[in-house]
Amino acid sequence: MSNHKCHLTFLHRWLERKILPNSLQIKSPVPSYEGKELACRTGFNFIKLKIHYSHKRIKECSLQKDNLLKTLSHSLSEDELNIIQDYEKAQGESLCAKKLLKYDTMLSSLENTNSPQQKKNSNLSNKWVFNLSHKTLTEDQVQVLGLGLNFAIAPKEVPTKNILPSVEDGLRGIPPSEADLIRGKVVSTIQNKKRQRSVLTKKEHLALQQLQKDPSIIITKADKGNITTVLDKEWYDNKINKMLDDEETYTRLKTNPTASTSKDVNKFINNLLESNKITKEASFRLKISDATIPRLYGLPILHTENIPLRPIVSFTDSPA
């Protein structure tokens, strides 16, 4: 269901920004302006149809979820059901975050393709860059930041060391024959991958390196508007620390509960497996390994006086 909700979000974004994904770009059989315009309208009509279909699938998934919970309620206690629902919610948020990152990258790529002059237009880039730091940005730095934080730069080499461990982690619980087939396809894809030419100029690459190596600033997105903001690290740290000093909202823990929480969740999953309430394959998918502590960060609210930070807690790869 999370997958459908994320897809629905970006279908609306494509429609609002008048951008067609590659899969819906129809080639007109008639080489005329009217033919191209008709093909374009047809593509946007398909987006509207996909939005309708996504709403339908979300309702179906919600109904299936309710029926499953009713079935489980006959064999599980209320506490066990709550644990399963909390874990399902956390997994859904993690999946949604990954999907949103993927769709953001796709949308940024399509925006750059549909507007090739965008990254060369400094006036346009300035609308999407908000500098709150002491640092004076060069024109090249503004242009690079104006592309957005989700703009993907083609790596010089395929990051095999990062890809393979992620693939192996995803193959847990999959039958060996099917897992071997997937491994073969991944290896074949990596071996046949052609090096892509960078879309950035040498000056823009240099500007990007300068920004990355500057420890006195933090580059993040704004709370709203897809605006890239540049902040002084000291100012940002002070804002976060002041926020955490509020004892009515936050409580300091003596120890890190991540390991114990992961252990409790895995123990609960083992109990479900031993009582034949879930399959062995399902237990592999549900179990937690290499969990990380939830991460707190802040997004600047540019339209508010004194520019406060909106706290965001990322539960990606977290057992909570």
Protein backbone atom coordinates (compact mmCIF):
# COMPACT_ATOMS: atom_id res chain seq x y z
CA MET A 1 0.00 0.00 0.00
CA SER A 2 2.92 2.34 0.75
CA ASN A 3 4.21 1.75 -2.75
CA HIS A 4 0.89 2.83 -4.27
CA LYS A 5 0.71 5.92 -2.03
CA CYS A 6 4.21 7.04 -3.04
CA HIS A 7 3.40 6.45 -6.69
CA LEU A 8 0.19 8.44 -6.31
CA THR A 9 2.11 11.37 -4.77
CA PHE A 10 4.42 11.60 -7.76
CA LEU A 11 1.64 11.14 -10.30
CA HIS A 12 0.12 14.31 -8.87
CA ARG A 13 3.51 16.07 -9.00
CA TRP A 14 3.99 15.10 -12.65
CA LEU A 15 0.53 16.44 -13.44
CA GLU A 16 1.05 19.71 -11.51
CA ARG A 17 4.42 20.41 -13.16
CA LYS A 18 3.22 19.36 -16.62
CA ILE A 19 5.98 16.74 -16.95
CA LEU A 20 5.49 13.41 -18.69
CA PRO A 21 7.55 10.39 -17.55
CA ASN A 22 9.37 8.53 -20.31
CA SER A 23 6.93 5.60 -20.11
CA LEU A 24 4.02 7.89 -21.06
CA GLN A 25 5.70 9.97 -23.76
CA ILE A 26 3.86 8.97 -26.92
CA LYS A 27 5.43 9.48 -30.34
CA SER A 28 2.97 11.06 -32.73
CA PRO A 29 2.49 9.13 -36.01
CA VAL A 30 1.79 12.48 -37.68
CA PRO A 31 4.83 14.83 -37.88
CA SER A 32 2.93 18.04 -37.14
CA TYR A 33 2.39 20.42 -34.25
CA GLU A 34 -1.24 19.26 -33.87
CA GLY A 35 -0.11 15.62 -33.78
CA LYS A 36 2.51 16.28 -31.09
CA GLU A 37 0.02 18.28 -29.03
CA LEU A 38 -2.53 15.47 -29.22
CA ALA A 39 0.10 12.90 -28.19
CA CYS A 40 1.07 15.11 -25.24
CA ARG A 41 -2.56 15.46 -24.09
CA THR A 42 -2.99 11.70 -24.36
CA GLY A 43 0.04 11.18 -22.11
CA PHE A 44 -1.43 13.47 -19.42
CA ASN A 45 -4.78 11.68 -19.72
CA PHE A 46 -2.93 8.45 -18.98
CA ILE A 47 -1.50 10.07 -15.82
CA LYS A 48 -5.06 10.92 -14.71
CA LEU A 49 -6.10 7.33 -15.42
CA LYS A 50 -3.14 6.00 -13.38
CA ILE A 51 -4.15 8.32 -10.50
CA HIS A 52 -7.67 6.84 -10.57
CA TYR A 53 -6.21 3.31 -10.66
CA SER A 54 -3.83 4.06 -7.74
CA HIS A 55 -6.73 5.27 -5.59
CA LYS A 56 -8.57 2.06 -6.40
CA ARG A 57 -5.57 -0.13 -5.50
CA ILE A 58 -5.06 1.76 -2.20
CA LYS A 59 -8.68 1.08 -1.23
CA GLU A 60 -8.28 -2.62 -2.14
CA CYS A 61 -5.06 -2.92 -0.12
CA SER A 62 -6.67 -1.16 2.84
CA LEU A 63 -9.58 -3.60 2.74
CA GLN A 64 -7.22 -6.60 2.51
CA LYS A 65 -5.25 -5.23 5.46
CA ASP A 66 -8.41 -4.87 7.57
CA ASN A 67 -9.51 -8.40 6.73
CA LEU A 68 -6.06 -9.76 7.60
CA LEU A 69 -6.09 -7.96 10.97
CA LYS A 70 -9.52 -9.40 11.72
CA THR A 71 -8.22 -12.90 10.95
CA LEU A 72 -5.11 -12.43 13.09
CA SER A 73 -7.17 -11.04 15.98
CA HIS A 74 -8.59 -14.55 16.55
CA SER A 75 -5.13 -16.03 17.20
CA LEU A 76 -3.09 -13.08 18.51
CA SER A 77 -3.44 -10.87 21.55
CA GLU A 78 -4.07 -7.14 21.30
CA ASP A 79 -0.45 -6.37 22.26
CA GLU A 80 0.87 -8.71 19.56
CA LEU A 81 -1.38 -7.07 16.98
CA ASN A 82 -0.17 -3.62 18.01
CA ILE A 83 3.46 -4.71 17.63
CA ILE A 84 2.77 -6.05 14.14
CA GLN A 85 0.93 -2.87 13.14
CA ASP A 86 3.72 -0.65 14.49
CA TYR A 87 6.34 -2.67 12.65
CA GLU A 88 4.29 -2.63 9.42
CA LYS A 89 3.96 1.14 9.72
CA ALA A 90 7.73 1.59 10.23
CA GLN A 91 8.49 -0.68 7.26
CA GLY A 92 6.01 1.25 5.14
CA GLU A 93 7.65 4.56 6.05
CA SER A 94 11.09 3.14 5.23
CA LEU A 95 9.90 1.82 1.85
CA CYS A 96 8.15 5.11 1.11
CA ALA A 97 11.31 7.11 1.86
CA LYS A 98 13.31 5.00 -0.59
CA LYS A 99 10.60 5.26 -3.25
CA LEU A 100 10.33 9.02 -2.81
CA LEU A 101 14.08 9.36 -3.29
CA LYS A 102 13.88 7.30 -6.47
CA TYR A 103 10.94 9.30 -7.84
CA ASP A 104 12.57 12.63 -6.86
CA THR A 105 15.65 11.66 -8.86
CA MET A 106 13.48 10.69 -11.82
CA LEU A 107 11.52 13.95 -11.61
CA SER A 108 14.67 16.07 -11.41
CA SER A 109 16.07 14.25 -14.44
CA LEU A 110 12.89 14.86 -16.42
CA GLU A 111 12.82 18.53 -15.41
CA ASN A 112 16.40 18.98 -16.63
CA THR A 113 15.59 17.12 -19.86
CA ASN A 114 12.47 19.19 -20.53
CA SER A 115 14.28 22.44 -19.62
CA PRO A 116 17.89 22.10 -20.84
CA GLN A 117 18.60 25.78 -20.23
CA GLN A 118 17.61 25.61 -16.59
CA LYS A 119 21.04 24.88 -15.17
CA LYS A 120 22.61 27.58 -17.35
CA ASN A 121 20.19 30.27 -16.20
CA SER A 122 21.56 31.80 -13.01
CA ASN A 123 18.47 33.94 -12.46
CA LEU A 124 16.27 30.83 -12.46
CA SER A 125 18.68 28.95 -10.17
CA ASN A 126 18.59 31.82 -7.64
CA LYS A 127 14.87 31.17 -7.13
CA TRP A 128 15.69 27.70 -5.86
CA VAL A 129 18.72 28.55 -3.68
CA PHE A 130 18.47 30.33 -0.33
CA ASN A 131 21.81 31.24 1.26
CA LEU A 132 21.61 31.84 5.04
CA SER A 133 25.31 31.29 5.69
CA HIS A 134 28.26 33.68 5.93
CA LYS A 135 29.65 32.14 2.74
CA THR A 136 29.39 34.06 -0.53
CA LEU A 137 28.41 31.63 -3.26
CA THR A 138 29.95 31.82 -6.73
CA GLU A 139 27.77 31.72 -9.84
CA ASP A 140 28.84 28.13 -10.57
CA GLN A 141 27.98 27.08 -7.01
CA VAL A 142 24.52 28.65 -7.30
CA GLN A 143 23.96 26.86 -10.61
CA VAL A 144 24.91 23.48 -9.14
CA LEU A 145 22.72 23.99 -6.04
CA GLY A 146 19.89 25.18 -8.29
CA LEU A 147 19.69 21.69 -9.80
CA GLY A 148 18.29 20.45 -6.48
CA LEU A 149 19.53 17.98 -3.89
CA ASN A 150 18.01 15.03 -5.76
CA PHE A 151 19.94 15.73 -8.95
CA ALA A 152 21.99 12.59 -9.63
CA ILE A 153 25.54 12.77 -10.99
CA ALA A 154 26.74 9.78 -12.98
CA PRO A 155 29.58 8.07 -11.02
CA LYS A 156 32.92 7.53 -12.71
CA GLU A 157 32.71 3.84 -11.86
CA VAL A 158 29.84 1.54 -10.92
CA PRO A 159 29.75 1.35 -7.06
CA THR A 160 29.91 -2.45 -7.03
CA LYS A 161 31.02 -2.61 -3.38
CA ASN A 162 27.80 -0.84 -2.36
CA ILE A 163 25.47 -2.65 -4.76
CA LEU A 164 26.38 -6.28 -4.03
CA PRO A 165 25.93 -6.19 -0.22
CA SER A 166 22.54 -4.50 -0.69
CA VAL A 167 21.49 -7.19 -3.16
CA GLU A 168 22.57 -9.99 -0.80
CA ASP A 169 20.63 -8.39 2.03
CA GLY A 170 17.52 -8.29 -0.14
CA LEU A 171 17.89 -11.97 -1.11
CA ARG A 172 17.43 -13.22 2.44
CA GLY A 173 14.66 -15.78 2.62
CA ILE A 174 14.39 -16.20 -1.17
CA PRO A 175 14.74 -19.77 -2.54
CA PRO A 176 18.37 -20.51 -3.61
CA SER A 177 17.53 -21.12 -7.27
CA GLU A 178 15.66 -17.83 -7.57
CA ALA A 179 18.37 -15.99 -5.64
CA ASP A 180 21.09 -17.32 -7.98
CA LEU A 181 19.07 -16.14 -10.99
CA ILE A 182 18.80 -12.64 -9.52
CA ARG A 183 22.54 -12.59 -8.73
CA GLY A 184 23.32 -13.53 -12.32
CA LYS A 185 21.16 -10.71 -13.67
CA VAL A 186 22.76 -8.18 -11.32
CA VAL A 187 26.29 -9.24 -12.28
CA SER A 188 25.38 -9.15 -15.97
CA THR A 189 23.93 -5.64 -15.60
CA ILE A 190 27.06 -4.39 -13.82
CA GLN A 191 29.40 -5.92 -16.39
CA ASN A 192 27.46 -4.47 -19.35
CA LYS A 193 27.06 -1.04 -17.80
CA LYS A 194 28.40 1.72 -20.04
CA ARG A 195 30.04 4.74 -18.51
CA GLN A 196 27.76 7.76 -18.75
CA ARG A 197 28.99 11.20 -19.65
CA SER A 198 28.63 13.81 -16.91
CA VAL A 199 26.12 16.59 -17.57
CA LEU A 200 28.11 19.03 -15.40
CA THR A 201 30.88 21.24 -16.73
CA LYS A 202 34.38 21.20 -15.20
CA LYS A 203 33.64 24.48 -13.40
CA GLU A 204 30.46 23.04 -11.93
CA HIS A 205 32.30 19.89 -10.80
CA LEU A 206 34.89 22.11 -9.10
CA ALA A 207 32.14 24.19 -7.47
CA LEU A 208 30.52 21.01 -6.15
CA GLN A 209 33.81 19.79 -4.68
CA GLN A 210 34.36 23.16 -2.97
CA LEU A 211 30.93 22.97 -1.34
CA GLN A 212 31.48 19.38 -0.21
CA LYS A 213 34.84 20.17 1.40
CA ASP A 214 33.63 23.23 3.34
CA PRO A 215 33.04 22.04 6.96
CA SER A 216 31.54 25.37 8.06
CA ILE A 217 28.27 24.99 6.12
CA ILE A 218 25.35 22.59 5.87
CA ILE A 219 23.34 22.19 2.67
CA THR A 220 19.78 20.95 3.07
CA LYS A 221 16.34 21.47 1.61
CA ALA A 222 13.78 23.87 3.02
CA ASP A 223 10.66 22.71 4.83
CA LYS A 224 8.52 23.58 1.79
CA GLY A 225 8.99 24.55 -1.83
CA ASN A 226 11.86 22.20 -2.82
CA ILE A 227 14.31 25.05 -2.15
CA THR A 228 17.98 24.28 -1.44
CA THR A 229 19.28 26.16 1.60
CA VAL A 230 22.86 26.82 2.72
CA LEU A 231 23.27 27.18 6.50
CA ASP A 232 26.15 27.89 8.87
CA LYS A 233 26.92 24.64 10.70
CA GLU A 234 27.35 26.46 14.02
CA TRP A 235 23.95 28.18 13.62
CA TYR A 236 22.31 24.86 12.71
CA ASP A 237 23.88 23.00 15.65
CA ASN A 238 22.79 25.71 18.08
CA LYS A 239 19.21 25.54 16.79
CA ILE A 240 19.10 21.73 17.13
CA ASN A 241 20.65 21.76 20.62
CA LYS A 242 18.25 24.46 21.80
CA MET A 243 15.38 22.36 20.52
CA LEU A 244 16.61 19.24 22.35
CA ASP A 245 17.07 21.21 25.60
CA ASP A 246 13.28 21.35 25.92
CA GLU A 247 12.77 18.75 28.68
CA GLU A 248 8.98 18.89 28.34
CA THR A 249 9.24 17.50 24.80
CA TYR A 250 12.40 15.38 24.87
CA THR A 251 13.78 12.94 27.45
CA ARG A 252 17.46 12.04 27.63
CA LEU A 253 18.05 8.27 27.61
CA LYS A 254 20.84 6.68 29.61
CA THR A 255 21.53 3.98 27.01
CA ASN A 256 20.91 3.36 23.31
CA PRO A 257 17.76 1.14 23.08
CA THR A 258 18.30 0.14 19.44
CA ALA A 259 19.95 -3.23 20.17
CA SER A 260 17.46 -4.26 22.85
CA THR A 261 14.49 -3.17 20.71
CA SER A 262 15.83 -5.17 17.74
CA LYS A 263 16.29 -8.18 20.01
CA ASP A 264 12.72 -7.94 21.33
CA VAL A 265 11.26 -7.62 17.82
CA ASN A 266 13.26 -10.61 16.54
CA LYS A 267 12.25 -12.65 19.61
CA PHE A 268 8.61 -11.86 18.95
CA ILE A 269 8.98 -12.91 15.30
CA ASN A 270 10.61 -16.21 16.40
CA ASN A 271 7.66 -16.88 18.70
CA LEU A 272 5.28 -16.33 15.78
CA LEU A 273 7.34 -18.73 13.67
CA GLU A 274 7.45 -21.44 16.36
CA SER A 275 3.69 -21.23 16.80
CA ASN A 276 3.22 -21.58 13.01
CA LYS A 277 1.54 -18.19 12.72
CA ILE A 278 3.94 -17.03 10.02
CA THR A 279 6.10 -18.85 7.46
CA LYS A 280 9.88 -19.14 7.55
CA GLU A 281 10.14 -16.88 4.49
CA ALA A 282 8.01 -14.23 6.21
CA SER A 283 10.20 -14.39 9.32
CA PHE A 284 13.30 -13.72 7.21
CA ARG A 285 11.67 -10.63 5.73
CA LEU A 286 10.45 -9.34 9.10
CA LYS A 287 13.61 -9.88 11.15
CA ILE A 288 15.89 -6.94 11.82
CA SER A 289 19.64 -6.92 11.20
CA ASP A 290 22.17 -4.08 11.37
CA ALA A 291 19.55 -1.70 12.77
CA THR A 292 20.46 1.96 13.19
CA ILE A 293 19.21 4.51 15.69
CA PRO A 294 16.51 6.90 14.38
CA ARG A 295 18.11 10.12 13.10
CA LEU A 296 16.91 13.61 13.98
CA TYR A 297 17.47 16.53 11.63
CA GLY A 298 15.86 19.90 11.01
CA LEU A 299 14.49 21.62 7.92
CA PRO A 300 14.48 25.45 7.93
CA ILE A 301 11.05 27.09 7.73
CA LEU A 302 11.89 30.03 5.46
CA HIS A 303 8.48 31.72 5.56
CA THR A 304 8.54 32.09 9.39
CA GLU A 305 10.25 34.84 11.38
CA ASN A 306 13.69 33.89 12.82
CA ILE A 307 13.65 30.81 10.55
CA PRO A 308 13.02 27.97 13.02
CA LEU A 309 13.79 24.34 12.20
CA ARG A 310 11.08 21.75 11.71
CA PRO A 311 12.26 18.55 13.45
CA ILE A 312 12.18 15.41 11.30
CA VAL A 313 12.95 11.93 12.67
CA SER A 314 14.02 9.39 10.06
CA PHE A 315 13.19 5.79 11.01
CA THR A 316 14.88 4.30 7.95
CA ASP A 317 16.59 0.98 8.95
CA SER A 318 15.39 1.51 12.52
CA PRO A 319 13.48 -1.11 14.58
CA ALA A 320 11.20 1.53 16.08
